């Protein structure tokens, strides 16, 4: 495959993952948590980078695309670890909110300010015992390899 076709494949891969996330949200009613939303931004960046790489035919942009895909894969790995209890997630979207040494009024304010969707729990969004965060991590890692293959192509 040519560098342009690999770049297009990587760009379309991020577009498909992003479209899937929005589809599950807007058509499937599956609301994202904070970490889910963070995983979307690098896909948007990868799409923009891919478009620029196709227009400018600049190899360094493929390396930047690989970095964007690696970023979302890394966030997906972290999110999977939070879901499985391997890592402590952000206090704003997990059950790790401190309760000792806080007044009842402050505790209630923290609870009311916390998002409804928790980062440390998977809902119905599992397939083959892997959450959407896990699938994003795996598929984005594959996109990293495609971006690198594009960057290494001479023409």
C-alpha atoms as a PDB file:
ATOM      1  CA  UNK A   1       0.000   0.000   0.000  1.00  0.00           C
ATOM      2  CA  UNK A   2       1.080   3.556  -0.596  1.00  0.00           C
ATOM      3  CA  UNK A   3       1.662   6.118   2.132  1.00  0.00           C
ATOM      4  CA  UNK A   4      -1.491   7.942   1.051  1.00  0.00           C
ATOM      5  CA  UNK A   5      -3.644   4.806   1.212  1.00  0.00           C
ATOM      6  CA  UNK A   6      -2.266   3.883   4.658  1.00  0.00           C
ATOM      7  CA  UNK A   7      -2.866   7.436   5.859  1.00  0.00           C
ATOM      8  CA  UNK A   8      -6.419   7.287   4.536  1.00  0.00           C
ATOM      9  CA  UNK A   9      -6.950   3.928   6.251  1.00  0.00           C
ATOM     10  CA  UNK A  10      -5.732   5.319   9.597  1.00  0.00           C
ATOM     11  CA  UNK A  11      -7.820   8.466   9.179  1.00  0.00           C
ATOM     12  CA  UNK A  12     -10.917   6.404   8.381  1.00  0.00           C
ATOM     13  CA  UNK A  13     -10.185   4.101  11.339  1.00  0.00           C
ATOM     14  CA  UNK A  14     -10.269   7.035  13.751  1.00  0.00           C
ATOM     15  CA  UNK A  15     -13.373   8.386  12.012  1.00  0.00           C
ATOM     16  CA  UNK A  16     -15.098   5.001  12.382  1.00  0.00           C
ATOM     17  CA  UNK A  17     -14.207   4.732  16.089  1.00  0.00           C
ATOM     18  CA  UNK A  18     -15.390   8.273  16.715  1.00  0.00           C
ATOM     19  CA  UNK A  19     -18.597   7.696  14.738  1.00  0.00           C
ATOM     20  CA  UNK A  20     -19.196   4.507  16.726  1.00  0.00           C
ATOM     21  CA  UNK A  21     -18.780   6.350  20.019  1.00  0.00           C
ATOM     22  CA  UNK A  22     -21.196   9.082  18.956  1.00  0.00           C
ATOM     23  CA  UNK A  23     -23.582   6.472  17.568  1.00  0.00           C
ATOM     24  CA  UNK A  24     -23.695   4.582  20.863  1.00  0.00           C
ATOM     25  CA  UNK A  25     -24.265   7.894  22.638  1.00  0.00           C
ATOM     26  CA  UNK A  26     -26.893   9.521  20.431  1.00  0.00           C
ATOM     27  CA  UNK A  27     -28.645   6.494  18.948  1.00  0.00           C
ATOM     28  CA  UNK A  28     -27.997   3.885  21.624  1.00  0.00           C
ATOM     29  CA  UNK A  29     -28.529   6.133  24.642  1.00  0.00           C
ATOM     30  CA  UNK A  30     -25.187   5.126  26.192  1.00  0.00           C
ATOM     31  CA  UNK A  31     -23.883   8.270  27.881  1.00  0.00           C
ATOM     32  CA  UNK A  32     -20.090   8.664  28.064  1.00  0.00           C
ATOM     33  CA  UNK A  33     -18.122   9.194  31.236  1.00  0.00           C
ATOM     34  CA  UNK A  34     -15.318  11.743  31.555  1.00  0.00           C
ATOM     35  CA  UNK A  35     -12.623   9.277  30.439  1.00  0.00           C
ATOM     36  CA  UNK A  36     -14.755   8.199  27.460  1.00  0.00           C
ATOM     37  CA  UNK A  37     -14.909  11.795  26.291  1.00  0.00           C
ATOM     38  CA  UNK A  38     -11.149  12.197  26.732  1.00  0.00           C
ATOM     39  CA  UNK A  39     -10.584   9.232  24.404  1.00  0.00           C
ATOM     40  CA  UNK A  40     -12.488  10.996  21.623  1.00  0.00           C
ATOM     41  CA  UNK A  41     -10.275  14.075  21.312  1.00  0.00           C
ATOM     42  CA  UNK A  42      -7.171  12.302  19.955  1.00  0.00           C
ATOM     43  CA  UNK A  43      -9.345  10.632  17.306  1.00  0.00           C
ATOM     44  CA  UNK A  44     -10.512  14.064  16.193  1.00  0.00           C
ATOM     45  CA  UNK A  45      -6.900  15.203  16.085  1.00  0.00           C
ATOM     46  CA  UNK A  46      -5.921  12.092  14.084  1.00  0.00           C
ATOM     47  CA  UNK A  47      -8.638  12.852  11.531  1.00  0.00           C
ATOM     48  CA  UNK A  48      -7.407  16.435  11.103  1.00  0.00           C
ATOM     49  CA  UNK A  49      -3.787  15.253  10.930  1.00  0.00           C
ATOM     50  CA  UNK A  50      -4.715  12.640   8.334  1.00  0.00           C
ATOM     51  CA  UNK A  51      -6.423  15.223   6.139  1.00  0.00           C
ATOM     52  CA  UNK A  52      -3.385  17.488   6.369  1.00  0.00           C
ATOM     53  CA  UNK A  53      -1.037  14.575   5.679  1.00  0.00           C
ATOM     54  CA  UNK A  54      -2.982  13.704   2.532  1.00  0.00           C
ATOM     55  CA  UNK A  55      -3.007  17.314   1.320  1.00  0.00           C
ATOM     56  CA  UNK A  56       0.611  18.164   2.172  1.00  0.00           C
ATOM     57  CA  UNK A  57       2.122  14.697   1.706  1.00  0.00           C
ATOM     58  CA  UNK A  58       4.360  15.356   4.713  1.00  0.00           C
ATOM     59  CA  UNK A  59       5.770  12.230   6.368  1.00  0.00           C
ATOM     60  CA  UNK A  60       6.180  13.896   9.767  1.00  0.00           C
ATOM     61  CA  UNK A  61       2.407  14.263   9.965  1.00  0.00           C
ATOM     62  CA  UNK A  62       2.118  10.473   9.897  1.00  0.00           C
ATOM     63  CA  UNK A  63       4.290  10.346  13.017  1.00  0.00           C
ATOM     64  CA  UNK A  64       1.993  12.916  14.605  1.00  0.00           C
ATOM     65  CA  UNK A  65      -1.001  10.747  13.651  1.00  0.00           C
ATOM     66  CA  UNK A  66       0.682   7.783  15.338  1.00  0.00           C
ATOM     67  CA  UNK A  67       1.120   9.895  18.463  1.00  0.00           C
ATOM     68  CA  UNK A  68      -2.575  10.850  18.450  1.00  0.00           C
ATOM     69  CA  UNK A  69      -3.614   7.203  18.071  1.00  0.00           C
ATOM     70  CA  UNK A  70      -1.164   6.168  20.805  1.00  0.00           C
ATOM     71  CA  UNK A  71      -2.636   8.837  23.089  1.00  0.00           C
ATOM     72  CA  UNK A  72      -6.194   7.557  22.763  1.00  0.00           C
ATOM     73  CA  UNK A  73      -4.963   3.980  23.116  1.00  0.00           C
ATOM     74  CA  UNK A  74      -3.153   4.943  26.321  1.00  0.00           C
ATOM     75  CA  UNK A  75      -6.229   6.657  27.725  1.00  0.00           C
ATOM     76  CA  UNK A  76      -8.220   3.540  26.809  1.00  0.00           C
ATOM     77  CA  UNK A  77      -5.745   1.338  28.692  1.00  0.00           C
ATOM     78  CA  UNK A  78      -5.966   3.629  31.715  1.00  0.00           C
ATOM     79  CA  UNK A  79      -9.773   3.652  31.523  1.00  0.00           C
ATOM     80  CA  UNK A  80      -9.842  -0.148  31.290  1.00  0.00           C
ATOM     81  CA  UNK A  81      -7.634  -0.286  34.377  1.00  0.00           C
ATOM     82  CA  UNK A  82     -10.009   2.033  36.227  1.00  0.00           C
ATOM     83  CA  UNK A  83     -12.972  -0.136  35.219  1.00  0.00           C
ATOM     84  CA  UNK A  84     -11.225  -3.307  36.379  1.00  0.00           C
ATOM     85  CA  UNK A  85      -9.937  -1.775  39.613  1.00  0.00           C
ATOM     86  CA  UNK A  86      -6.257  -1.814  38.593  1.00  0.00           C
ATOM     87  CA  UNK A  87      -5.904   1.985  38.817  1.00  0.00           C
ATOM     88  CA  UNK A  88      -7.595   4.669  40.841  1.00  0.00           C
ATOM     89  CA  UNK A  89      -9.548   6.866  38.478  1.00  0.00           C
ATOM     90  CA  UNK A  90     -10.391  10.535  38.739  1.00  0.00           C
ATOM     91  CA  UNK A  91     -12.321  11.278  41.913  1.00  0.00           C
ATOM     92  CA  UNK A  92     -14.861  13.237  39.918  1.00  0.00           C
ATOM     93  CA  UNK A  93     -16.184  10.139  38.153  1.00  0.00           C
ATOM     94  CA  UNK A  94     -15.410   7.169  40.384  1.00  0.00           C
ATOM     95  CA  UNK A  95     -16.492   5.856  43.724  1.00  0.00           C
ATOM     96  CA  UNK A  96     -13.167   7.050  45.161  1.00  0.00           C
ATOM     97  CA  UNK A  97     -14.595  10.358  46.425  1.00  0.00           C
ATOM     98  CA  UNK A  98     -13.300  10.990  49.962  1.00  0.00           C
ATOM     99  CA  UNK A  99     -15.936  10.918  52.662  1.00  0.00           C
ATOM    100  CA  UNK A 100     -13.972  11.394  55.875  1.00  0.00           C
ATOM    101  CA  UNK A 101     -13.069  14.828  57.178  1.00  0.00           C
ATOM    102  CA  UNK A 102     -15.756  16.472  55.013  1.00  0.00           C
ATOM    103  CA  UNK A 103     -18.861  18.166  56.312  1.00  0.00           C
ATOM    104  CA  UNK A 104     -22.215  16.743  55.279  1.00  0.00           C
ATOM    105  CA  UNK A 105     -22.913  19.898  53.286  1.00  0.00           C
ATOM    106  CA  UNK A 106     -19.597  19.616  51.355  1.00  0.00           C
ATOM    107  CA  UNK A 107     -20.166  15.909  50.787  1.00  0.00           C
ATOM    108  CA  UNK A 108     -23.617  16.616  49.352  1.00  0.00           C
ATOM    109  CA  UNK A 109     -22.160  19.362  47.138  1.00  0.00           C
ATOM    110  CA  UNK A 110     -19.510  16.901  45.850  1.00  0.00           C
ATOM    111  CA  UNK A 111     -22.150  14.272  45.124  1.00  0.00           C
ATOM    112  CA  UNK A 112     -24.375  16.760  43.310  1.00  0.00           C
ATOM    113  CA  UNK A 113     -21.422  18.030  41.228  1.00  0.00           C
ATOM    114  CA  UNK A 114     -20.263  14.537  40.245  1.00  0.00           C
ATOM    115  CA  UNK A 115     -21.220  13.292  36.783  1.00  0.00           C
ATOM    116  CA  UNK A 116     -23.978  10.719  36.549  1.00  0.00           C
ATOM    117  CA  UNK A 117     -21.902   8.301  34.462  1.00  0.00           C
ATOM    118  CA  UNK A 118     -19.081   6.747  36.458  1.00  0.00           C
ATOM    119  CA  UNK A 119     -15.698   5.937  34.930  1.00  0.00           C
ATOM    120  CA  UNK A 120     -15.103   2.887  37.112  1.00  0.00           C
ATOM    121  CA  UNK A 121     -18.129   0.890  36.004  1.00  0.00           C
ATOM    122  CA  UNK A 122     -19.056  -0.626  32.685  1.00  0.00           C
ATOM    123  CA  UNK A 123     -22.666  -0.755  31.756  1.00  0.00           C
ATOM    124  CA  UNK A 124     -24.056  -2.758  28.896  1.00  0.00           C
ATOM    125  CA  UNK A 125     -21.175  -1.602  26.701  1.00  0.00           C
ATOM    126  CA  UNK A 126     -19.188  -4.861  26.725  1.00  0.00           C
ATOM    127  CA  UNK A 127     -18.491  -7.237  23.858  1.00  0.00           C
ATOM    128  CA  UNK A 128     -16.475 -10.432  24.386  1.00  0.00           C
ATOM    129  CA  UNK A 129     -16.002  -9.320  28.012  1.00  0.00           C
ATOM    130  CA  UNK A 130     -14.211  -6.141  26.882  1.00  0.00           C
ATOM    131  CA  UNK A 131     -15.602  -2.647  27.437  1.00  0.00           C
ATOM    132  CA  UNK A 132     -15.699   0.083  24.835  1.00  0.00           C
ATOM    133  CA  UNK A 133     -12.596   1.564  26.482  1.00  0.00           C
ATOM    134  CA  UNK A 134     -10.775  -1.755  26.022  1.00  0.00           C
ATOM    135  CA  UNK A 135     -11.822  -2.009  22.377  1.00  0.00           C
ATOM    136  CA  UNK A 136     -10.721   1.574  21.799  1.00  0.00           C
ATOM    137  CA  UNK A 137      -7.321   0.768  23.289  1.00  0.00           C
ATOM    138  CA  UNK A 138      -6.887  -2.317  21.076  1.00  0.00           C
ATOM    139  CA  UNK A 139      -8.164  -0.803  17.844  1.00  0.00           C
ATOM    140  CA  UNK A 140      -6.264   2.433  18.396  1.00  0.00           C
ATOM    141  CA  UNK A 141      -3.055   0.444  18.941  1.00  0.00           C
ATOM    142  CA  UNK A 142      -3.661  -1.109  15.513  1.00  0.00           C
ATOM    143  CA  UNK A 143      -4.102   2.401  14.126  1.00  0.00           C
ATOM    144  CA  UNK A 144      -0.731   3.344  15.628  1.00  0.00           C
ATOM    145  CA  UNK A 145       0.852   0.554  13.569  1.00  0.00           C
ATOM    146  CA  UNK A 146      -0.907   1.755  10.415  1.00  0.00           C
ATOM    147  CA  UNK A 147       0.260   5.337  11.019  1.00  0.00           C
ATOM    148  CA  UNK A 148       3.832   4.102  11.557  1.00  0.00           C
ATOM    149  CA  UNK A 149       3.680   1.995   8.392  1.00  0.00           C
ATOM    150  CA  UNK A 150       2.551   5.114   6.516  1.00  0.00           C
ATOM    151  CA  UNK A 151       5.365   7.166   8.012  1.00  0.00           C
ATOM    152  CA  UNK A 152       7.949   4.583   6.962  1.00  0.00           C
ATOM    153  CA  UNK A 153       6.762   4.456   3.329  1.00  0.00           C
ATOM    154  CA  UNK A 154       9.119   6.320   1.025  1.00  0.00           C
ATOM    155  CA  UNK A 155       6.526   7.271  -1.602  1.00  0.00           C
END
